[in-house]
């Protein structure tokens, strides 16, 4: 039995209403982990907890830019959704301070996907 367009749209709306508004995804595939994604994930998770923020930090797979790993995607209300590449601990702290808290982009690490 095929799903109608209205049924599909309803499911999409329900899923969006249940998903967190603010999230950060860290590329955690083999290439990301090899490039330092574990440390980046730890920094971002610790920062969110320390600041008691309503932000979900989670792992995701590869987006196909292995040379830019570790990749971090940031979706914060009031700021553009952005992919950052070549993220290390220092850049992770900058992402938290500038993008997440101040709604300013970390220009020299943005990647277009």
N, C-alpha and C. Protein backbone atom coordinates (compact mmCIF):
# COMPACT_ATOMS: atom_id res chain seq x y z
N UNK A 1 0.84 -1.17 0.00
CA UNK A 1 0.00 0.00 0.00
C UNK A 1 0.89 1.25 0.00
N UNK A 2 0.70 2.11 -0.95
CA UNK A 2 1.50 3.33 -1.09
C UNK A 2 1.01 4.40 -0.13
N UNK A 3 1.94 5.22 0.30
CA UNK A 3 1.62 6.32 1.20
C UNK A 3 1.27 7.54 0.37
N UNK A 4 0.26 8.27 0.80
CA UNK A 4 -0.12 9.48 0.08
C UNK A 4 0.84 10.61 0.46
N UNK A 5 0.85 11.65 -0.34
CA UNK A 5 1.69 12.82 -0.07
C UNK A 5 1.30 13.46 1.28
N UNK A 6 0.00 13.53 1.56
CA UNK A 6 -0.45 14.11 2.83
C UNK A 6 0.03 13.29 4.02
N UNK A 7 -0.03 11.96 3.89
CA UNK A 7 0.45 11.09 4.98
C UNK A 7 1.96 11.27 5.19
N UNK A 8 2.69 11.37 4.10
CA UNK A 8 4.13 11.57 4.18
C UNK A 8 4.46 12.92 4.84
N UNK A 9 3.75 13.98 4.44
CA UNK A 9 3.97 15.30 5.04
C UNK A 9 3.63 15.29 6.54
N UNK A 10 2.58 14.58 6.91
CA UNK A 10 2.20 14.49 8.31
C UNK A 10 3.29 13.79 9.12
N UNK A 11 3.83 12.71 8.59
CA UNK A 11 4.91 12.00 9.27
C UNK A 11 6.15 12.88 9.41
N UNK A 12 6.44 13.63 8.36
CA UNK A 12 7.59 14.54 8.38
C UNK A 12 7.42 15.61 9.45
N UNK A 13 6.23 16.19 9.53
CA UNK A 13 5.95 17.23 10.54
C UNK A 13 6.05 16.66 11.96
N UNK A 14 5.55 15.45 12.15
CA UNK A 14 5.62 14.82 13.47
C UNK A 14 7.07 14.57 13.86
N UNK A 15 7.87 14.10 12.93
CA UNK A 15 9.28 13.84 13.21
C UNK A 15 10.02 15.13 13.54
N UNK A 16 9.72 16.19 12.81
CA UNK A 16 10.38 17.48 13.06
C UNK A 16 9.98 18.05 14.41
N UNK A 17 8.75 17.85 14.81
CA UNK A 17 8.31 18.39 16.10
C UNK A 17 8.95 17.63 17.26
N UNK A 18 9.35 16.39 17.04
CA UNK A 18 9.98 15.60 18.09
C UNK A 18 11.49 15.77 18.14
N UNK A 19 12.08 16.22 17.03
CA UNK A 19 13.53 16.35 17.01
C UNK A 19 13.95 17.64 17.71
N UNK A 20 15.13 17.61 18.32
CA UNK A 20 15.59 18.80 19.03
C UNK A 20 15.82 19.96 18.06
N UNK A 21 15.58 21.17 18.53
CA UNK A 21 15.78 22.36 17.69
C UNK A 21 17.26 22.67 17.53
N UNK A 22 18.02 22.44 18.57
CA UNK A 22 19.44 22.77 18.57
C UNK A 22 20.26 21.48 18.66
N UNK A 23 21.14 21.29 17.69
CA UNK A 23 21.97 20.10 17.71
C UNK A 23 23.30 20.34 17.02
N UNK A 24 24.24 19.50 17.40
CA UNK A 24 25.57 19.49 16.80
C UNK A 24 25.87 18.04 16.46
N UNK A 25 26.28 17.79 15.22
CA UNK A 25 26.65 16.44 14.78
C UNK A 25 28.15 16.41 14.49
N UNK A 26 28.79 15.39 15.00
CA UNK A 26 30.22 15.20 14.76
C UNK A 26 30.39 13.97 13.88
N UNK A 27 31.09 14.15 12.74
CA UNK A 27 31.37 13.02 11.84
C UNK A 27 32.21 11.99 12.56
N UNK A 28 31.65 10.80 12.75
CA UNK A 28 32.30 9.79 13.57
C UNK A 28 32.52 8.49 12.80
N UNK A 29 32.74 8.61 11.51
CA UNK A 29 33.10 7.43 10.75
C UNK A 29 34.59 7.17 10.94
N UNK A 30 35.12 6.16 10.29
CA UNK A 30 36.53 5.81 10.46
C UNK A 30 37.45 6.98 10.16
N UNK A 31 37.16 7.70 9.07
CA UNK A 31 38.03 8.83 8.71
C UNK A 31 37.94 9.95 9.74
N UNK A 32 36.76 10.19 10.29
CA UNK A 32 36.59 11.22 11.31
C UNK A 32 37.31 10.87 12.60
N UNK A 33 37.15 9.64 13.03
CA UNK A 33 37.81 9.20 14.27
C UNK A 33 39.32 9.26 14.11
N UNK A 34 39.82 8.81 12.96
CA UNK A 34 41.26 8.85 12.71
C UNK A 34 41.81 10.27 12.72
N UNK A 35 40.97 11.23 12.34
CA UNK A 35 41.40 12.64 12.27
C UNK A 35 41.21 13.38 13.59
N UNK A 36 40.59 12.74 14.60
CA UNK A 36 40.46 13.39 15.90
C UNK A 36 39.04 13.68 16.34
N UNK A 37 38.05 13.05 15.74
CA UNK A 37 36.65 13.31 16.08
C UNK A 37 36.32 12.97 17.53
N UNK A 38 37.00 11.99 18.10
CA UNK A 38 36.71 11.61 19.49
C UNK A 38 36.96 12.80 20.42
N UNK A 39 38.09 13.46 20.25
CA UNK A 39 38.42 14.61 21.10
C UNK A 39 37.46 15.77 20.87
N UNK A 40 37.09 15.98 19.61
CA UNK A 40 36.15 17.06 19.27
C UNK A 40 34.79 16.79 19.91
N UNK A 41 34.32 15.56 19.81
CA UNK A 41 33.04 15.18 20.43
C UNK A 41 33.09 15.41 21.94
N UNK A 42 34.18 15.03 22.57
CA UNK A 42 34.32 15.22 24.01
C UNK A 42 34.26 16.70 24.39
N UNK A 43 34.98 17.54 23.65
CA UNK A 43 34.98 18.98 23.94
C UNK A 43 33.57 19.55 23.82
N UNK A 44 32.90 19.24 22.71
CA UNK A 44 31.56 19.79 22.49
C UNK A 44 30.58 19.31 23.54
N UNK A 45 30.63 18.03 23.88
CA UNK A 45 29.74 17.47 24.89
C UNK A 45 29.99 18.11 26.26
N UNK A 46 31.26 18.24 26.63
CA UNK A 46 31.60 18.85 27.91
C UNK A 46 31.16 20.32 27.96
N UNK A 47 31.36 21.05 26.87
CA UNK A 47 30.97 22.46 26.83
C UNK A 47 29.45 22.62 26.99
N UNK A 48 28.69 21.79 26.29
CA UNK A 48 27.22 21.86 26.38
C UNK A 48 26.77 21.56 27.81
N UNK A 49 27.36 20.55 28.42
CA UNK A 49 27.00 20.19 29.80
C UNK A 49 27.42 21.28 30.78
N UNK A 50 28.63 21.80 30.63
CA UNK A 50 29.14 22.82 31.54
C UNK A 50 28.30 24.10 31.48
N UNK A 51 27.80 24.42 30.29
CA UNK A 51 27.02 25.63 30.10
C UNK A 51 25.52 25.39 30.30
N UNK A 52 25.15 24.13 30.57
CA UNK A 52 23.76 23.74 30.77
C UNK A 52 22.88 24.21 29.61
N UNK A 53 23.31 23.88 28.39
CA UNK A 53 22.62 24.34 27.18
C UNK A 53 21.64 23.30 26.67
N UNK A 54 20.62 23.76 25.99
CA UNK A 54 19.63 22.90 25.36
C UNK A 54 20.10 22.57 23.95
N UNK A 55 21.19 21.81 23.86
CA UNK A 55 21.80 21.42 22.59
C UNK A 55 22.12 19.93 22.68
N UNK A 56 21.73 19.18 21.66
CA UNK A 56 22.04 17.76 21.60
C UNK A 56 23.30 17.59 20.76
N UNK A 57 24.30 16.94 21.33
CA UNK A 57 25.53 16.62 20.60
C UNK A 57 25.48 15.14 20.27
N UNK A 58 25.64 14.82 18.99
CA UNK A 58 25.55 13.42 18.59
C UNK A 58 26.54 13.08 17.49
N UNK A 59 26.76 11.80 17.31
CA UNK A 59 27.65 11.30 16.27
C UNK A 59 26.84 11.10 14.99
N UNK A 60 27.53 11.21 13.85
CA UNK A 60 26.90 10.87 12.57
C UNK A 60 27.97 10.24 11.68
N UNK A 61 27.57 9.80 10.53
CA UNK A 61 28.50 9.17 9.60
C UNK A 61 29.23 10.17 8.73
N UNK A 62 29.92 9.65 7.77
CA UNK A 62 30.72 10.45 6.85
C UNK A 62 29.83 11.17 5.84
N UNK A 63 30.21 12.41 5.50
CA UNK A 63 29.48 13.16 4.47
C UNK A 63 30.26 13.18 3.16
N UNK A 64 31.39 12.47 3.12
CA UNK A 64 32.13 12.33 1.87
C UNK A 64 33.32 13.25 1.70
N UNK A 65 33.62 14.04 2.69
CA UNK A 65 34.79 14.93 2.60
C UNK A 65 35.85 14.47 3.60
N UNK A 66 36.39 13.30 3.37
CA UNK A 66 37.35 12.71 4.31
C UNK A 66 38.54 13.62 4.55
N UNK A 67 38.95 14.36 3.55
CA UNK A 67 40.11 15.24 3.70
C UNK A 67 39.82 16.41 4.63
N UNK A 68 38.54 16.68 4.94
CA UNK A 68 38.17 17.80 5.81
C UNK A 68 37.81 17.34 7.22
N UNK A 69 37.95 16.06 7.50
CA UNK A 69 37.61 15.55 8.83
C UNK A 69 38.56 16.08 9.89
N UNK A 70 38.10 16.17 11.10
CA UNK A 70 36.75 15.95 11.59
C UNK A 70 35.78 17.05 11.14
N UNK A 71 34.62 16.60 10.69
CA UNK A 71 33.55 17.50 10.26
C UNK A 71 32.55 17.65 11.41
N UNK A 72 32.02 18.86 11.55
CA UNK A 72 31.01 19.14 12.56
C UNK A 72 29.91 19.95 11.89
N UNK A 73 28.67 19.49 12.05
CA UNK A 73 27.51 20.22 11.53
C UNK A 73 26.78 20.84 12.72
N UNK A 74 26.48 22.13 12.61
CA UNK A 74 25.85 22.87 13.71
C UNK A 74 24.52 23.43 13.25
N UNK A 75 23.47 23.13 14.00
CA UNK A 75 22.14 23.66 13.75
C UNK A 75 21.63 24.28 15.05
N UNK A 76 21.72 25.61 15.12
CA UNK A 76 21.33 26.35 16.32
C UNK A 76 20.30 27.39 15.91
N UNK A 77 19.20 27.43 16.62
CA UNK A 77 18.14 28.40 16.34
C UNK A 77 18.71 29.82 16.36
N UNK A 78 18.41 30.59 15.33
CA UNK A 78 18.88 31.97 15.24
C UNK A 78 20.19 32.13 14.49
N UNK A 79 20.74 31.02 14.00
CA UNK A 79 21.99 31.05 13.24
C UNK A 79 21.87 30.08 12.07
N UNK A 80 22.64 30.30 11.00
CA UNK A 80 22.58 29.38 9.86
C UNK A 80 23.10 27.99 10.23
N UNK A 81 22.57 26.99 9.57
CA UNK A 81 23.06 25.61 9.71
C UNK A 81 24.35 25.51 8.90
N UNK A 82 25.43 25.05 9.53
CA UNK A 82 26.74 25.11 8.91
C UNK A 82 27.52 23.82 9.12
N UNK A 83 28.32 23.45 8.11
CA UNK A 83 29.31 22.38 8.24
C UNK A 83 30.67 23.03 8.46
N UNK A 84 31.37 22.57 9.50
CA UNK A 84 32.73 23.01 9.74
C UNK A 84 33.66 21.83 9.49
N UNK A 85 34.82 22.12 8.92
CA UNK A 85 35.79 21.07 8.64
C UNK A 85 37.12 21.34 9.30
N UNK A 86 37.92 20.27 9.39
CA UNK A 86 39.23 20.32 10.02
C UNK A 86 39.12 20.89 11.43
N UNK A 87 38.15 20.36 12.16
CA UNK A 87 37.87 20.83 13.52
C UNK A 87 38.78 20.09 14.50
N UNK A 88 39.46 20.85 15.33
CA UNK A 88 40.25 20.28 16.41
C UNK A 88 39.68 20.82 17.73
N UNK A 89 40.35 20.55 18.84
CA UNK A 89 39.84 21.01 20.13
C UNK A 89 39.66 22.52 20.17
N UNK A 90 40.65 23.25 19.67
CA UNK A 90 40.59 24.72 19.69
C UNK A 90 39.41 25.23 18.87
N UNK A 91 39.23 24.66 17.69
CA UNK A 91 38.11 25.09 16.82
C UNK A 91 36.78 24.69 17.46
N UNK A 92 36.73 23.55 18.12
CA UNK A 92 35.50 23.13 18.80
C UNK A 92 35.11 24.15 19.87
N UNK A 93 36.09 24.63 20.62
CA UNK A 93 35.80 25.68 21.61
C UNK A 93 35.31 26.95 20.93
N UNK A 94 35.91 27.31 19.80
CA UNK A 94 35.48 28.50 19.06
C UNK A 94 34.05 28.33 18.55
N UNK A 95 33.72 27.14 18.05
CA UNK A 95 32.37 26.88 17.57
C UNK A 95 31.36 27.10 18.70
N UNK A 96 31.69 26.60 19.88
CA UNK A 96 30.78 26.79 21.02
C UNK A 96 30.67 28.27 21.37
N UNK A 97 31.80 28.96 21.51
CA UNK A 97 31.79 30.37 21.92
C UNK A 97 31.15 31.27 20.86
N UNK A 98 31.57 31.09 19.61
CA UNK A 98 31.15 32.03 18.57
C UNK A 98 29.82 31.64 17.92
N UNK A 99 29.72 30.41 17.42
CA UNK A 99 28.52 30.02 16.68
C UNK A 99 27.35 29.74 17.63
N UNK A 100 27.56 28.86 18.59
CA UNK A 100 26.46 28.43 19.44
C UNK A 100 26.02 29.55 20.39
N UNK A 101 26.96 30.21 21.03
CA UNK A 101 26.60 31.23 22.03
C UNK A 101 26.35 32.61 21.44
N UNK A 102 27.19 33.04 20.49
CA UNK A 102 27.08 34.39 19.96
C UNK A 102 26.40 34.47 18.59
N UNK A 103 26.07 33.32 18.01
CA UNK A 103 25.41 33.25 16.69
C UNK A 103 26.27 33.87 15.58
N UNK A 104 27.60 33.79 15.74
CA UNK A 104 28.54 34.25 14.72
C UNK A 104 29.24 33.04 14.14
N UNK A 105 29.47 33.04 12.84
CA UNK A 105 30.10 31.90 12.18
C UNK A 105 31.61 31.92 12.35
N UNK A 106 32.19 30.74 12.40
CA UNK A 106 33.64 30.58 12.46
C UNK A 106 34.09 30.44 11.01
N UNK A 107 34.27 31.58 10.36
CA UNK A 107 34.43 31.69 8.91
C UNK A 107 35.50 30.79 8.30
N UNK A 108 36.67 30.71 8.88
CA UNK A 108 37.77 30.01 8.22
C UNK A 108 37.69 28.48 8.32
N UNK A 109 36.58 27.95 8.81
CA UNK A 109 36.41 26.50 8.88
C UNK A 109 35.11 26.01 8.24
N UNK A 110 34.40 26.89 7.54
CA UNK A 110 33.12 26.52 6.92
C UNK A 110 33.36 25.75 5.64
N UNK A 111 32.61 24.67 5.46
CA UNK A 111 32.65 23.87 4.23
C UNK A 111 31.24 23.81 3.65
N UNK A 112 31.15 23.90 2.34
CA UNK A 112 29.86 23.75 1.68
C UNK A 112 29.71 22.32 1.22
N UNK A 113 28.60 21.72 1.56
CA UNK A 113 28.33 20.33 1.21
C UNK A 113 27.30 20.28 0.11
